[in-house]
Amino acid sequence: MKKLLLSCVFIFCTYISNAQSLAVNGTGVAADASAILDVQSTSKGLLAPRMTAAQKALIASPATGLTIYQTDGSTGFYTYNGTGWIALLNGGSTLDASKLTTGTVPTARLGSGTADGTTYLRGDGTWSAPAGGGGVSILTGSGTFTLPTTYTSPQYNITVVGALVGDAVIINLGTEVPLGSYPPIFSAAVTADDTVTLYLYDAGGFFGESFTFKATVIH
């Protein structure tokens, strides 16, 4: 009976001990000298212990490096780091915020560029330095446009470097308006990075004339 049992075990799996290294395979290849356990297969994987979060919490005095697969809640591999269970990165190299329970994320990981005390994180995921070096910045730009000759509502873009969508805009007339004349009617907003769009509703008494608008952006 013992011989039959040993023969069956040998058929399915070969264990080779080499300098205190153990190989588990079906080919008889010796274990790599750097590994205490060398498992080789081209058709099967290594199955870690599977349990719920509650079962994981009941493990008494877990060893540092102990690893399990959690089957409920935030599923995935968890390892004990000596003070608590931490989730291993699952499904690629992207950050899964649901796995974060304690600690902080290095600021450099939040976006591209240089993250330091002089920069802020923009909505497009890049670190940028405020145009004024910090605090509130006043940015300016201007544009000269030929106003329409009829009652149309054109749009003009004024470049204001450093302006971001959501910044406040003030438009001043850069062309002198004679007393008692009918000035252009307009509104403006930052519609893209570095771009203020001027919406003209009425050219007033300046149909077909060249007119300058000055944009002041509070950033």
N, C-alpha and C. Protein backbone atom coordinates (compact mmCIF):
# COMPACT_ATOMS: atom_id res chain seq x y z
N MET A 1 0.83 -1.20 0.00
CA MET A 1 0.00 0.00 0.00
C MET A 1 0.87 1.26 0.00
N LYS A 2 1.93 1.24 0.82
CA LYS A 2 2.84 2.39 0.86
C LYS A 2 3.50 2.60 -0.49
N LYS A 3 3.91 1.51 -1.14
CA LYS A 3 4.57 1.62 -2.44
C LYS A 3 3.61 2.21 -3.49
N LEU A 4 2.34 1.79 -3.45
CA LEU A 4 1.36 2.28 -4.40
C LEU A 4 1.12 3.78 -4.19
N LEU A 5 1.02 4.18 -2.92
CA LEU A 5 0.81 5.59 -2.62
C LEU A 5 1.98 6.44 -3.08
N LEU A 6 3.18 5.99 -2.82
CA LEU A 6 4.36 6.73 -3.24
C LEU A 6 4.45 6.82 -4.75
N SER A 7 4.05 5.78 -5.45
CA SER A 7 4.09 5.77 -6.92
C SER A 7 3.11 6.79 -7.47
N CYS A 8 1.91 6.88 -6.88
CA CYS A 8 0.91 7.83 -7.35
C CYS A 8 1.38 9.27 -7.16
N VAL A 9 1.95 9.53 -6.01
CA VAL A 9 2.46 10.87 -5.74
C VAL A 9 3.55 11.25 -6.74
N PHE A 10 4.42 10.32 -7.03
CA PHE A 10 5.51 10.56 -7.96
C PHE A 10 4.99 10.84 -9.36
N ILE A 11 3.90 10.19 -9.77
CA ILE A 11 3.35 10.39 -11.11
C ILE A 11 2.88 11.84 -11.29
N PHE A 12 2.20 12.38 -10.28
CA PHE A 12 1.59 13.70 -10.42
C PHE A 12 2.53 14.85 -10.07
N CYS A 13 3.46 14.63 -9.18
CA CYS A 13 4.30 15.74 -8.74
C CYS A 13 5.63 15.21 -8.24
N THR A 14 6.69 15.83 -8.67
CA THR A 14 8.03 15.43 -8.26
C THR A 14 8.61 16.49 -7.34
N TYR A 15 9.10 16.06 -6.20
CA TYR A 15 9.70 16.95 -5.23
C TYR A 15 11.21 16.70 -5.22
N ILE A 16 11.97 17.71 -5.46
CA ILE A 16 13.42 17.56 -5.50
C ILE A 16 14.04 18.50 -4.48
N SER A 17 14.77 17.97 -3.56
CA SER A 17 15.44 18.78 -2.57
C SER A 17 16.88 18.99 -2.98
N ASN A 18 17.30 20.26 -3.02
CA ASN A 18 18.64 20.57 -3.47
C ASN A 18 19.16 21.72 -2.62
N ALA A 19 20.08 21.43 -1.73
CA ALA A 19 20.68 22.46 -0.87
C ALA A 19 19.59 23.24 -0.14
N GLN A 20 18.66 22.52 0.46
CA GLN A 20 17.55 23.09 1.22
C GLN A 20 16.56 23.86 0.37
N SER A 21 16.56 23.67 -0.96
CA SER A 21 15.56 24.24 -1.85
C SER A 21 14.63 23.12 -2.30
N LEU A 22 13.34 23.42 -2.38
CA LEU A 22 12.37 22.40 -2.75
C LEU A 22 11.74 22.75 -4.08
N ALA A 23 11.76 21.80 -5.02
CA ALA A 23 11.16 21.99 -6.34
C ALA A 23 9.88 21.18 -6.42
N VAL A 24 8.84 21.78 -6.96
CA VAL A 24 7.57 21.09 -7.19
C VAL A 24 7.28 21.21 -8.68
N ASN A 25 7.38 20.10 -9.40
CA ASN A 25 7.14 20.11 -10.84
C ASN A 25 6.92 18.68 -11.31
N GLY A 26 6.66 18.54 -12.56
CA GLY A 26 6.45 17.21 -13.12
C GLY A 26 7.53 16.80 -14.09
N THR A 27 8.66 17.53 -14.06
CA THR A 27 9.73 17.26 -15.03
C THR A 27 11.02 16.79 -14.37
N GLY A 28 11.14 16.94 -13.06
CA GLY A 28 12.37 16.54 -12.39
C GLY A 28 13.43 17.59 -12.36
N VAL A 29 13.12 18.83 -12.83
CA VAL A 29 14.09 19.91 -12.82
C VAL A 29 14.36 20.35 -11.38
N ALA A 30 15.63 20.57 -11.05
CA ALA A 30 16.02 20.96 -9.70
C ALA A 30 15.55 22.38 -9.40
N ALA A 31 15.37 22.66 -8.14
CA ALA A 31 14.95 24.00 -7.71
C ALA A 31 16.06 25.01 -7.94
N ASP A 32 15.66 26.24 -8.21
CA ASP A 32 16.63 27.32 -8.33
C ASP A 32 17.29 27.52 -6.97
N ALA A 33 18.60 27.71 -6.95
CA ALA A 33 19.35 27.81 -5.71
C ALA A 33 18.93 29.00 -4.86
N SER A 34 18.32 30.03 -5.48
CA SER A 34 17.94 31.23 -4.73
C SER A 34 16.56 31.11 -4.10
N ALA A 35 15.85 30.03 -4.40
CA ALA A 35 14.48 29.87 -3.91
C ALA A 35 14.38 28.75 -2.89
N ILE A 36 13.64 28.99 -1.82
CA ILE A 36 13.37 27.93 -0.85
C ILE A 36 12.32 26.98 -1.40
N LEU A 37 11.41 27.53 -2.25
CA LEU A 37 10.39 26.73 -2.91
C LEU A 37 10.28 27.17 -4.35
N ASP A 38 10.45 26.24 -5.28
CA ASP A 38 10.42 26.54 -6.71
C ASP A 38 9.31 25.71 -7.34
N VAL A 39 8.19 26.37 -7.67
CA VAL A 39 7.04 25.69 -8.26
C VAL A 39 7.00 25.99 -9.74
N GLN A 40 6.96 24.95 -10.58
CA GLN A 40 6.96 25.14 -12.03
C GLN A 40 5.81 24.38 -12.66
N SER A 41 5.09 25.05 -13.57
CA SER A 41 4.00 24.42 -14.31
C SER A 41 3.64 25.30 -15.50
N THR A 42 3.24 24.68 -16.58
CA THR A 42 2.79 25.42 -17.75
C THR A 42 1.28 25.30 -17.94
N SER A 43 0.61 24.65 -17.01
CA SER A 43 -0.83 24.46 -17.16
C SER A 43 -1.63 24.74 -15.88
N LYS A 44 -0.93 25.03 -14.79
CA LYS A 44 -1.61 25.29 -13.52
C LYS A 44 -0.98 26.48 -12.81
N GLY A 45 -1.78 27.09 -11.92
CA GLY A 45 -1.29 28.24 -11.16
C GLY A 45 -1.14 27.91 -9.69
N LEU A 46 -0.74 28.92 -8.94
CA LEU A 46 -0.57 28.79 -7.50
C LEU A 46 -1.78 29.42 -6.82
N LEU A 47 -2.52 28.66 -6.05
CA LEU A 47 -3.74 29.13 -5.43
C LEU A 47 -3.49 29.50 -3.97
N ALA A 48 -3.64 30.80 -3.68
CA ALA A 48 -3.43 31.29 -2.31
C ALA A 48 -4.66 31.00 -1.46
N PRO A 49 -4.52 30.98 -0.15
CA PRO A 49 -5.67 30.79 0.73
C PRO A 49 -6.72 31.86 0.48
N ARG A 50 -7.99 31.45 0.37
CA ARG A 50 -9.09 32.38 0.10
C ARG A 50 -9.99 32.46 1.33
N MET A 51 -10.38 33.70 1.67
CA MET A 51 -11.23 33.89 2.86
C MET A 51 -11.89 35.24 2.80
N THR A 52 -12.89 35.44 3.66
CA THR A 52 -13.58 36.72 3.74
C THR A 52 -12.78 37.69 4.61
N ALA A 53 -13.18 38.96 4.59
CA ALA A 53 -12.50 39.96 5.41
C ALA A 53 -12.62 39.62 6.90
N ALA A 54 -13.79 39.10 7.30
CA ALA A 54 -13.98 38.73 8.70
C ALA A 54 -13.06 37.58 9.10
N GLN A 55 -12.91 36.61 8.22
CA GLN A 55 -12.02 35.48 8.50
C GLN A 55 -10.57 35.94 8.56
N LYS A 56 -10.22 36.87 7.69
CA LYS A 56 -8.85 37.41 7.69
C LYS A 56 -8.55 38.08 9.03
N ALA A 57 -9.53 38.83 9.54
CA ALA A 57 -9.34 39.55 10.79
C ALA A 57 -9.17 38.61 11.98
N LEU A 58 -9.61 37.36 11.84
CA LEU A 58 -9.53 36.41 12.95
C LEU A 58 -8.21 35.63 12.98
N ILE A 59 -7.33 35.88 11.99
CA ILE A 59 -6.04 35.20 12.00
C ILE A 59 -5.23 35.69 13.19
N ALA A 60 -4.84 34.78 14.04
CA ALA A 60 -4.12 35.15 15.26
C ALA A 60 -2.64 35.39 14.98
N SER A 61 -2.15 36.53 15.40
CA SER A 61 -0.72 36.89 15.28
C SER A 61 -0.17 36.60 13.89
N PRO A 62 -0.72 37.22 12.85
CA PRO A 62 -0.22 36.96 11.49
C PRO A 62 1.24 37.36 11.34
N ALA A 63 1.98 36.54 10.61
CA ALA A 63 3.39 36.83 10.38
C ALA A 63 3.54 37.93 9.34
N THR A 64 4.57 38.74 9.47
CA THR A 64 4.85 39.76 8.47
C THR A 64 5.12 39.09 7.12
N GLY A 65 4.39 39.51 6.10
CA GLY A 65 4.52 38.91 4.78
C GLY A 65 3.44 37.88 4.47
N LEU A 66 2.61 37.55 5.47
CA LEU A 66 1.53 36.59 5.25
C LEU A 66 0.58 37.15 4.20
N THR A 67 0.20 36.34 3.24
CA THR A 67 -0.62 36.81 2.12
C THR A 67 -1.84 35.90 1.94
N ILE A 68 -2.99 36.53 1.71
CA ILE A 68 -4.23 35.79 1.45
C ILE A 68 -4.98 36.48 0.31
N TYR A 69 -6.02 35.81 -0.19
CA TYR A 69 -6.90 36.43 -1.19
C TYR A 69 -8.26 36.64 -0.53
N GLN A 70 -8.69 37.91 -0.46
CA GLN A 70 -9.97 38.24 0.17
C GLN A 70 -11.09 38.12 -0.86
N THR A 71 -12.17 37.44 -0.50
CA THR A 71 -13.24 37.13 -1.45
C THR A 71 -14.44 38.05 -1.37
N ASP A 72 -14.50 38.94 -0.39
CA ASP A 72 -15.64 39.84 -0.31
C ASP A 72 -15.15 41.27 -0.09
N GLY A 73 -16.11 42.24 -0.10
CA GLY A 73 -15.71 43.64 0.06
C GLY A 73 -14.80 44.08 -1.07
N SER A 74 -13.67 44.69 -0.73
CA SER A 74 -12.65 45.04 -1.73
C SER A 74 -11.80 43.80 -1.97
N THR A 75 -12.25 42.99 -2.92
CA THR A 75 -11.57 41.71 -3.16
C THR A 75 -10.15 41.91 -3.69
N GLY A 76 -9.33 40.91 -3.49
CA GLY A 76 -7.96 40.97 -3.99
C GLY A 76 -6.98 40.40 -2.99
N PHE A 77 -5.70 40.49 -3.34
CA PHE A 77 -4.65 39.97 -2.48
C PHE A 77 -4.32 40.97 -1.37
N TYR A 78 -4.16 40.47 -0.16
CA TYR A 78 -3.77 41.28 0.98
C TYR A 78 -2.56 40.64 1.64
N THR A 79 -1.66 41.49 2.13
CA THR A 79 -0.49 41.00 2.84
C THR A 79 -0.37 41.74 4.16
N TYR A 80 0.17 41.06 5.17
CA TYR A 80 0.33 41.67 6.48
C TYR A 80 1.72 42.30 6.56
N ASN A 81 1.79 43.59 6.85
CA ASN A 81 3.08 44.30 6.83
C ASN A 81 3.73 44.43 8.20
N GLY A 82 3.19 43.71 9.17
CA GLY A 82 3.76 43.79 10.51
C GLY A 82 2.90 44.56 11.48
N THR A 83 2.09 45.49 10.93
CA THR A 83 1.18 46.27 11.79
C THR A 83 -0.26 46.18 11.33
N GLY A 84 -0.49 45.81 10.08
CA GLY A 84 -1.85 45.71 9.57
C GLY A 84 -1.88 45.09 8.19
N TRP A 85 -3.11 44.78 7.73
CA TRP A 85 -3.28 44.20 6.40
C TRP A 85 -3.35 45.30 5.35
N ILE A 86 -2.60 45.16 4.28
CA ILE A 86 -2.63 46.13 3.19
C ILE A 86 -2.97 45.41 1.89
N ALA A 87 -3.72 46.11 1.03
CA ALA A 87 -4.12 45.52 -0.24
C ALA A 87 -2.98 45.63 -1.25
N LEU A 88 -2.73 44.55 -1.96
CA LEU A 88 -1.75 44.58 -3.04
C LEU A 88 -2.43 45.12 -4.28
N LEU A 89 -1.65 45.73 -5.17
CA LEU A 89 -2.20 46.32 -6.39
C LEU A 89 -2.78 45.22 -7.26
N ASN A 90 -4.03 45.39 -7.66
CA ASN A 90 -4.70 44.38 -8.48
C ASN A 90 -5.11 44.98 -9.81
N GLY A 91 -5.07 44.19 -10.86
CA GLY A 91 -5.62 44.61 -12.15
C GLY A 91 -4.81 45.65 -12.88
N GLY A 92 -3.51 45.63 -12.79
CA GLY A 92 -2.70 46.57 -13.54
C GLY A 92 -1.92 47.49 -12.63
N SER A 93 -1.47 48.63 -13.17
CA SER A 93 -0.60 49.52 -12.43
C SER A 93 -1.30 50.80 -12.00
N THR A 94 -2.63 50.88 -12.18
CA THR A 94 -3.34 52.08 -11.79
C THR A 94 -3.70 52.04 -10.32
N LEU A 95 -3.86 53.22 -9.73
CA LEU A 95 -4.18 53.33 -8.32
C LEU A 95 -5.67 53.13 -8.10
N ASP A 96 -6.02 52.22 -7.19
CA ASP A 96 -7.41 51.97 -6.83
C ASP A 96 -7.66 52.63 -5.49
N ALA A 97 -8.36 53.77 -5.51
CA ALA A 97 -8.56 54.54 -4.29
C ALA A 97 -9.35 53.76 -3.24
N SER A 98 -10.17 52.80 -3.68
CA SER A 98 -10.96 52.04 -2.71
C SER A 98 -10.09 51.16 -1.83
N LYS A 99 -8.84 50.90 -2.25
CA LYS A 99 -7.94 50.07 -1.46
C LYS A 99 -7.18 50.88 -0.40
N LEU A 100 -7.30 52.21 -0.46
CA LEU A 100 -6.57 53.06 0.47
C LEU A 100 -7.38 53.23 1.75
N THR A 101 -6.83 52.82 2.86
CA THR A 101 -7.51 52.95 4.14
C THR A 101 -6.78 53.88 5.08
N THR A 102 -5.46 53.91 5.01
CA THR A 102 -4.67 54.80 5.85
C THR A 102 -3.49 55.33 5.05
N GLY A 103 -2.80 56.30 5.61
CA GLY A 103 -1.59 56.81 4.98
C GLY A 103 -1.90 57.88 3.95
N THR A 104 -0.88 58.29 3.22
CA THR A 104 -1.01 59.34 2.21
C THR A 104 -0.36 58.89 0.91
N VAL A 105 -0.74 59.56 -0.18
CA VAL A 105 -0.16 59.30 -1.49
C VAL A 105 0.87 60.39 -1.77
N PRO A 106 2.10 60.03 -2.15
CA PRO A 106 3.10 61.06 -2.47
C PRO A 106 2.56 62.02 -3.52
N THR A 107 2.77 63.32 -3.30
CA THR A 107 2.22 64.31 -4.23
C THR A 107 2.71 64.12 -5.65
N ALA A 108 3.92 63.62 -5.82
CA ALA A 108 4.46 63.43 -7.16
C ALA A 108 3.66 62.40 -7.95
N ARG A 109 2.91 61.52 -7.24
CA ARG A 109 2.11 60.50 -7.89
C ARG A 109 0.77 61.04 -8.39
N LEU A 110 0.41 62.24 -7.97
CA LEU A 110 -0.91 62.77 -8.30
C LEU A 110 -0.96 63.41 -9.68
N GLY A 111 0.18 63.75 -10.26
CA GLY A 111 0.18 64.38 -11.57
C GLY A 111 1.59 64.52 -12.10
N SER A 112 1.72 65.00 -13.32
CA SER A 112 3.03 65.18 -13.94
C SER A 112 3.58 66.57 -13.61
N GLY A 113 4.88 66.71 -13.72
CA GLY A 113 5.51 67.98 -13.40
C GLY A 113 6.15 67.95 -12.03
N THR A 114 6.60 69.11 -11.56
CA THR A 114 7.28 69.21 -10.27
C THR A 114 6.29 69.59 -9.18
N ALA A 115 6.17 68.72 -8.18
CA ALA A 115 5.27 68.99 -7.05
C ALA A 115 6.09 69.52 -5.89
N ASP A 116 5.93 70.78 -5.55
CA ASP A 116 6.62 71.34 -4.39
C ASP A 116 5.79 72.48 -3.82
N GLY A 117 6.37 73.23 -2.92
CA GLY A 117 5.64 74.28 -2.24
C GLY A 117 5.29 75.47 -3.11
N THR A 118 5.80 75.51 -4.34
CA THR A 118 5.52 76.66 -5.21
C THR A 118 4.57 76.32 -6.34
N THR A 119 4.08 75.07 -6.40
CA THR A 119 3.20 74.67 -7.50
C THR A 119 1.85 74.20 -6.98
N TYR A 120 0.89 74.15 -7.87
CA TYR A 120 -0.44 73.65 -7.54
C TYR A 120 -0.85 72.64 -8.61
N LEU A 121 -1.80 71.76 -8.27
CA LEU A 121 -2.25 70.72 -9.19
C LEU A 121 -3.42 71.23 -10.00
N ARG A 122 -3.23 71.29 -11.33
CA ARG A 122 -4.28 71.76 -12.23
C ARG A 122 -5.29 70.66 -12.50
N GLY A 123 -6.42 71.04 -13.06
CA GLY A 123 -7.47 70.07 -13.37
C GLY A 123 -7.07 69.07 -14.42
N ASP A 124 -6.05 69.37 -15.24
CA ASP A 124 -5.61 68.44 -16.28
C ASP A 124 -4.54 67.48 -15.77
N GLY A 125 -4.29 67.48 -14.43
CA GLY A 125 -3.34 66.53 -13.86
C GLY A 125 -1.89 66.93 -13.93
N THR A 126 -1.61 68.22 -14.11
CA THR A 126 -0.23 68.69 -14.16
C THR A 126 0.01 69.68 -13.03
N TRP A 127 1.25 69.66 -12.50
CA TRP A 127 1.66 70.62 -11.49
C TRP A 127 2.14 71.88 -12.18
N SER A 128 1.65 73.04 -11.74
CA SER A 128 1.99 74.29 -12.41
C SER A 128 2.27 75.37 -11.37
N ALA A 129 3.16 76.28 -11.70
CA ALA A 129 3.47 77.39 -10.81
C ALA A 129 2.53 78.55 -11.11
N PRO A 130 1.91 79.16 -10.09
CA PRO A 130 1.05 80.34 -10.32
C PRO A 130 1.84 81.43 -11.01
N ALA A 131 1.17 82.13 -11.91
CA ALA A 131 1.85 83.17 -12.69
C ALA A 131 2.42 84.27 -11.80
N GLY A 132 1.78 84.51 -10.67
CA GLY A 132 2.24 85.57 -9.79
C GLY A 132 3.12 85.07 -8.66
N GLY A 133 3.49 83.78 -8.70
CA GLY A 133 4.35 83.23 -7.67
C GLY A 133 3.60 82.77 -6.43
N GLY A 134 2.25 82.76 -6.48
CA GLY A 134 1.47 82.30 -5.34
C GLY A 134 0.39 83.31 -4.99
N GLY A 135 -0.68 82.87 -4.35
CA GLY A 135 -1.78 83.76 -4.00
C GLY A 135 -2.57 84.14 -5.23
N VAL A 136 -3.24 85.29 -5.17
CA VAL A 136 -4.05 85.78 -6.28
C VAL A 136 -3.14 86.42 -7.32
N SER A 137 -3.38 86.06 -8.59
CA SER A 137 -2.58 86.62 -9.68
C SER A 137 -3.48 87.44 -10.59
N ILE A 138 -2.96 88.53 -11.09
CA ILE A 138 -3.68 89.37 -12.05
C ILE A 138 -3.01 89.18 -13.41
N LEU A 139 -3.74 88.64 -14.34
CA LEU A 139 -3.22 88.36 -15.67
C LEU A 139 -3.90 89.26 -16.68
N THR A 140 -3.16 89.70 -17.68
CA THR A 140 -3.74 90.62 -18.66
C THR A 140 -3.44 90.19 -20.08
N GLY A 141 -4.26 90.67 -20.98
CA GLY A 141 -4.08 90.44 -22.40
C GLY A 141 -5.00 91.37 -23.14
N SER A 142 -4.80 91.53 -24.42
CA SER A 142 -5.65 92.42 -25.21
C SER A 142 -5.75 91.91 -26.64
N GLY A 143 -6.77 92.42 -27.31
CA GLY A 143 -6.96 92.04 -28.71
C GLY A 143 -7.68 93.14 -29.45
N THR A 144 -7.30 93.34 -30.68
CA THR A 144 -7.93 94.35 -31.53
C THR A 144 -8.65 93.64 -32.66
N PHE A 145 -9.94 93.94 -32.81
CA PHE A 145 -10.76 93.23 -33.77
C PHE A 145 -11.60 94.21 -34.58
N THR A 146 -11.91 93.80 -35.80
CA THR A 146 -12.80 94.59 -36.64
C THR A 146 -14.23 94.18 -36.34
N LEU A 147 -15.02 95.10 -35.84
CA LEU A 147 -16.38 94.80 -35.46
C LEU A 147 -17.25 94.60 -36.70
N PRO A 148 -18.33 93.83 -36.57
CA PRO A 148 -19.18 93.54 -37.73
C PRO A 148 -19.91 94.80 -38.22
N THR A 149 -20.36 94.73 -39.44
CA THR A 149 -21.08 95.87 -40.04
C THR A 149 -22.59 95.70 -39.93
N THR A 150 -23.01 94.55 -39.44
CA THR A 150 -24.44 94.29 -39.26
C THR A 150 -24.68 93.77 -37.85
N TYR A 151 -25.93 93.55 -37.51
CA TYR A 151 -26.28 93.06 -36.18
C TYR A 151 -26.04 91.56 -36.09
N THR A 152 -24.80 91.19 -35.91
CA THR A 152 -24.41 89.79 -35.71
C THR A 152 -23.73 89.66 -34.35
N SER A 153 -23.52 88.42 -33.92
CA SER A 153 -22.92 88.18 -32.60
C SER A 153 -21.66 87.34 -32.73
N PRO A 154 -20.56 87.94 -33.19
CA PRO A 154 -19.32 87.18 -33.35
C PRO A 154 -18.64 86.93 -32.00
N GLN A 155 -17.66 86.05 -32.03
CA GLN A 155 -16.85 85.75 -30.85
C GLN A 155 -15.38 86.02 -31.20
N TYR A 156 -14.65 86.58 -30.25
CA TYR A 156 -13.24 86.86 -30.44
C TYR A 156 -12.45 86.25 -29.28
N ASN A 157 -11.30 85.71 -29.60
CA ASN A 157 -10.45 85.11 -28.56
C ASN A 157 -9.27 86.02 -28.24
N ILE A 158 -9.05 86.23 -26.95
CA ILE A 158 -7.93 87.03 -26.47
C ILE A 158 -7.01 86.11 -25.68
N THR A 159 -5.74 86.10 -26.00
CA THR A 159 -4.77 85.25 -25.30
C THR A 159 -4.35 85.90 -24.00
N VAL A 160 -4.57 85.17 -22.89
CA VAL A 160 -4.12 85.62 -21.57
C VAL A 160 -3.38 84.44 -20.96
N VAL A 161 -2.05 84.48 -21.01
CA VAL A 161 -1.24 83.36 -20.55
C VAL A 161 -1.44 83.12 -19.06
N GLY A 162 -1.75 81.87 -18.70
CA GLY A 162 -1.95 81.50 -17.31
C GLY A 162 -3.39 81.44 -16.88
N ALA A 163 -4.30 81.95 -17.73
CA ALA A 163 -5.72 81.93 -17.39
C ALA A 163 -6.26 80.51 -17.47
N LEU A 164 -7.14 80.17 -16.52
CA LEU A 164 -7.75 78.85 -16.49
C LEU A 164 -9.26 78.99 -16.46
N VAL A 165 -9.94 77.97 -16.96
CA VAL A 165 -11.41 77.97 -16.95
C VAL A 165 -11.90 78.14 -15.51
N GLY A 166 -12.82 79.07 -15.31
CA GLY A 166 -13.33 79.35 -13.98
C GLY A 166 -12.78 80.63 -13.37
N ASP A 167 -11.68 81.15 -13.94
CA ASP A 167 -11.13 82.41 -13.45
C ASP A 167 -12.09 83.56 -13.78
N ALA A 168 -12.08 84.58 -12.94
CA ALA A 168 -12.92 85.76 -13.19
C ALA A 168 -12.28 86.64 -14.26
N VAL A 169 -13.13 87.27 -15.08
CA VAL A 169 -12.65 88.09 -16.20
C VAL A 169 -13.27 89.48 -16.12
N ILE A 170 -12.45 90.48 -16.35
CA ILE A 170 -12.92 91.86 -16.47
C ILE A 170 -12.45 92.37 -17.84
N ILE A 171 -13.38 92.93 -18.62
CA ILE A 171 -13.04 93.47 -19.94
C ILE A 171 -13.14 94.99 -19.90
N ASN A 172 -12.08 95.64 -20.30
CA ASN A 172 -12.07 97.10 -20.44
C ASN A 172 -11.95 97.46 -21.91
N LEU A 173 -12.55 98.57 -22.27
CA LEU A 173 -12.46 99.03 -23.66
C LEU A 173 -11.12 99.72 -23.87
N GLY A 174 -10.38 99.23 -24.84
CA GLY A 174 -9.07 99.81 -25.13
C GLY A 174 -9.13 100.92 -26.16
N THR A 175 -10.29 101.10 -26.76
CA THR A 175 -10.48 102.18 -27.73
C THR A 175 -11.36 103.25 -27.09
N GLU A 176 -10.98 104.46 -27.23
CA GLU A 176 -11.72 105.55 -26.60
C GLU A 176 -13.12 105.67 -27.17
N VAL A 177 -14.08 105.77 -26.27
CA VAL A 177 -15.48 105.92 -26.67
C VAL A 177 -15.91 107.36 -26.40
N PRO A 178 -16.26 108.11 -27.42
CA PRO A 178 -16.67 109.51 -27.22
C PRO A 178 -17.88 109.62 -26.29
N LEU A 179 -17.91 110.68 -25.53
CA LEU A 179 -18.99 110.92 -24.59
C LEU A 179 -20.33 110.96 -25.33
N GLY A 180 -21.27 110.19 -24.84
CA GLY A 180 -22.60 110.18 -25.44
C GLY A 180 -22.76 109.17 -26.55
N SER A 181 -21.68 108.46 -26.91
CA SER A 181 -21.78 107.46 -27.99
C SER A 181 -22.32 106.15 -27.42
N TYR A 182 -22.70 105.28 -28.33
CA TYR A 182 -23.29 103.99 -27.98
C TYR A 182 -22.18 102.94 -28.02
N PRO A 183 -21.69 102.49 -26.84
CA PRO A 183 -20.55 101.55 -26.83
C PRO A 183 -20.98 100.13 -27.18
N PRO A 184 -20.02 99.27 -27.54
CA PRO A 184 -20.33 97.86 -27.82
C PRO A 184 -20.86 97.17 -26.56
N ILE A 185 -21.73 96.19 -26.78
CA ILE A 185 -22.27 95.38 -25.69
C ILE A 185 -21.68 93.98 -25.81
N PHE A 186 -21.10 93.48 -24.71
CA PHE A 186 -20.37 92.21 -24.77
C PHE A 186 -20.34 91.53 -23.41
N SER A 187 -19.90 90.28 -23.41
CA SER A 187 -19.57 89.54 -22.19
C SER A 187 -18.31 88.72 -22.50
N ALA A 188 -17.71 88.14 -21.46
CA ALA A 188 -16.48 87.39 -21.68
C ALA A 188 -16.33 86.31 -20.61
N ALA A 189 -15.56 85.28 -20.94
CA ALA A 189 -15.28 84.19 -20.00
C ALA A 189 -14.02 83.48 -20.45
N VAL A 190 -13.32 82.84 -19.49
CA VAL A 190 -12.18 81.98 -19.83
C VAL A 190 -12.75 80.65 -20.31
N THR A 191 -12.57 80.34 -21.58
CA THR A 191 -13.17 79.14 -22.17
C THR A 191 -12.18 78.00 -22.34
N ALA A 192 -10.89 78.27 -22.19
CA ALA A 192 -9.86 77.24 -22.29
C ALA A 192 -8.59 77.81 -21.66
N ASP A 193 -7.62 76.95 -21.41
CA ASP A 193 -6.37 77.43 -20.84
C ASP A 193 -5.79 78.53 -21.71
N ASP A 194 -5.44 79.65 -21.10
CA ASP A 194 -4.79 80.79 -21.76
C ASP A 194 -5.70 81.51 -22.75
N THR A 195 -7.00 81.25 -22.71
CA THR A 195 -7.89 81.83 -23.72
C THR A 195 -9.14 82.45 -23.08
N VAL A 196 -9.33 83.77 -23.34
CA VAL A 196 -10.56 84.47 -22.96
C VAL A 196 -11.38 84.68 -24.23
N THR A 197 -12.63 84.24 -24.18
CA THR A 197 -13.51 84.42 -25.34
C THR A 197 -14.44 85.59 -25.08
N LEU A 198 -14.46 86.53 -26.03
CA LEU A 198 -15.30 87.72 -25.95
C LEU A 198 -16.53 87.48 -26.82
N TYR A 199 -17.70 87.62 -26.22
CA TYR A 199 -18.95 87.43 -26.95
C TYR A 199 -19.56 88.81 -27.21
N LEU A 200 -19.59 89.21 -28.47
CA LEU A 200 -20.11 90.54 -28.84
C LEU A 200 -21.59 90.41 -29.22
N TYR A 201 -22.44 91.18 -28.53
CA TYR A 201 -23.87 91.16 -28.82
C TYR A 201 -24.30 92.31 -29.72
N ASP A 202 -23.58 93.41 -29.59
CA ASP A 202 -23.96 94.59 -30.37
C ASP A 202 -22.72 95.47 -30.52
N ALA A 203 -22.40 95.87 -31.75
CA ALA A 203 -21.22 96.71 -31.99
C ALA A 203 -21.46 98.15 -31.61
N GLY A 204 -22.70 98.47 -31.18
CA GLY A 204 -22.98 99.85 -30.78
C GLY A 204 -22.80 100.82 -31.93
N GLY A 205 -22.13 101.91 -31.63
CA GLY A 205 -21.90 102.91 -32.67
C GLY A 205 -20.60 102.71 -33.41
N PHE A 206 -20.06 101.47 -33.37
CA PHE A 206 -18.75 101.23 -33.97
C PHE A 206 -18.79 100.11 -35.02
N PHE A 207 -19.90 100.00 -35.74
CA PHE A 207 -20.03 98.98 -36.79
C PHE A 207 -18.91 99.13 -37.81
N GLY A 208 -18.22 98.01 -38.06
CA GLY A 208 -17.18 97.99 -39.08
C GLY A 208 -15.88 98.63 -38.65
N GLU A 209 -15.78 99.13 -37.43
CA GLU A 209 -14.56 99.80 -36.99
C GLU A 209 -13.65 98.83 -36.22
N SER A 210 -12.36 99.20 -36.17
CA SER A 210 -11.40 98.42 -35.40
C SER A 210 -11.49 98.84 -33.94
N PHE A 211 -11.60 97.83 -33.06
CA PHE A 211 -11.82 98.13 -31.65
C PHE A 211 -10.93 97.24 -30.80
N THR A 212 -10.34 97.82 -29.74
CA THR A 212 -9.45 97.08 -28.87
C THR A 212 -10.15 96.78 -27.56
N PHE A 213 -10.01 95.50 -27.10
CA PHE A 213 -10.54 95.08 -25.81
C PHE A 213 -9.38 94.60 -24.94
N LYS A 214 -9.38 95.02 -23.68
CA LYS A 214 -8.35 94.58 -22.73
C LYS A 214 -8.97 93.64 -21.71
N ALA A 215 -8.36 92.46 -21.57
CA ALA A 215 -8.86 91.44 -20.64
C ALA A 215 -7.99 91.38 -19.40
N THR A 216 -8.63 91.44 -18.25
CA THR A 216 -7.95 91.26 -16.97
C THR A 216 -8.53 90.03 -16.30
N VAL A 217 -7.68 89.04 -16.00
CA VAL A 217 -8.13 87.79 -15.42
C VAL A 217 -7.60 87.70 -13.99
N ILE A 218 -8.52 87.42 -13.06
CA ILE A 218 -8.12 87.22 -11.66
C ILE A 218 -7.95 85.72 -11.45
N HIS A 219 -6.71 85.32 -11.25
CA HIS A 219 -6.36 83.88 -11.20
C HIS A 219 -5.99 83.48 -9.79
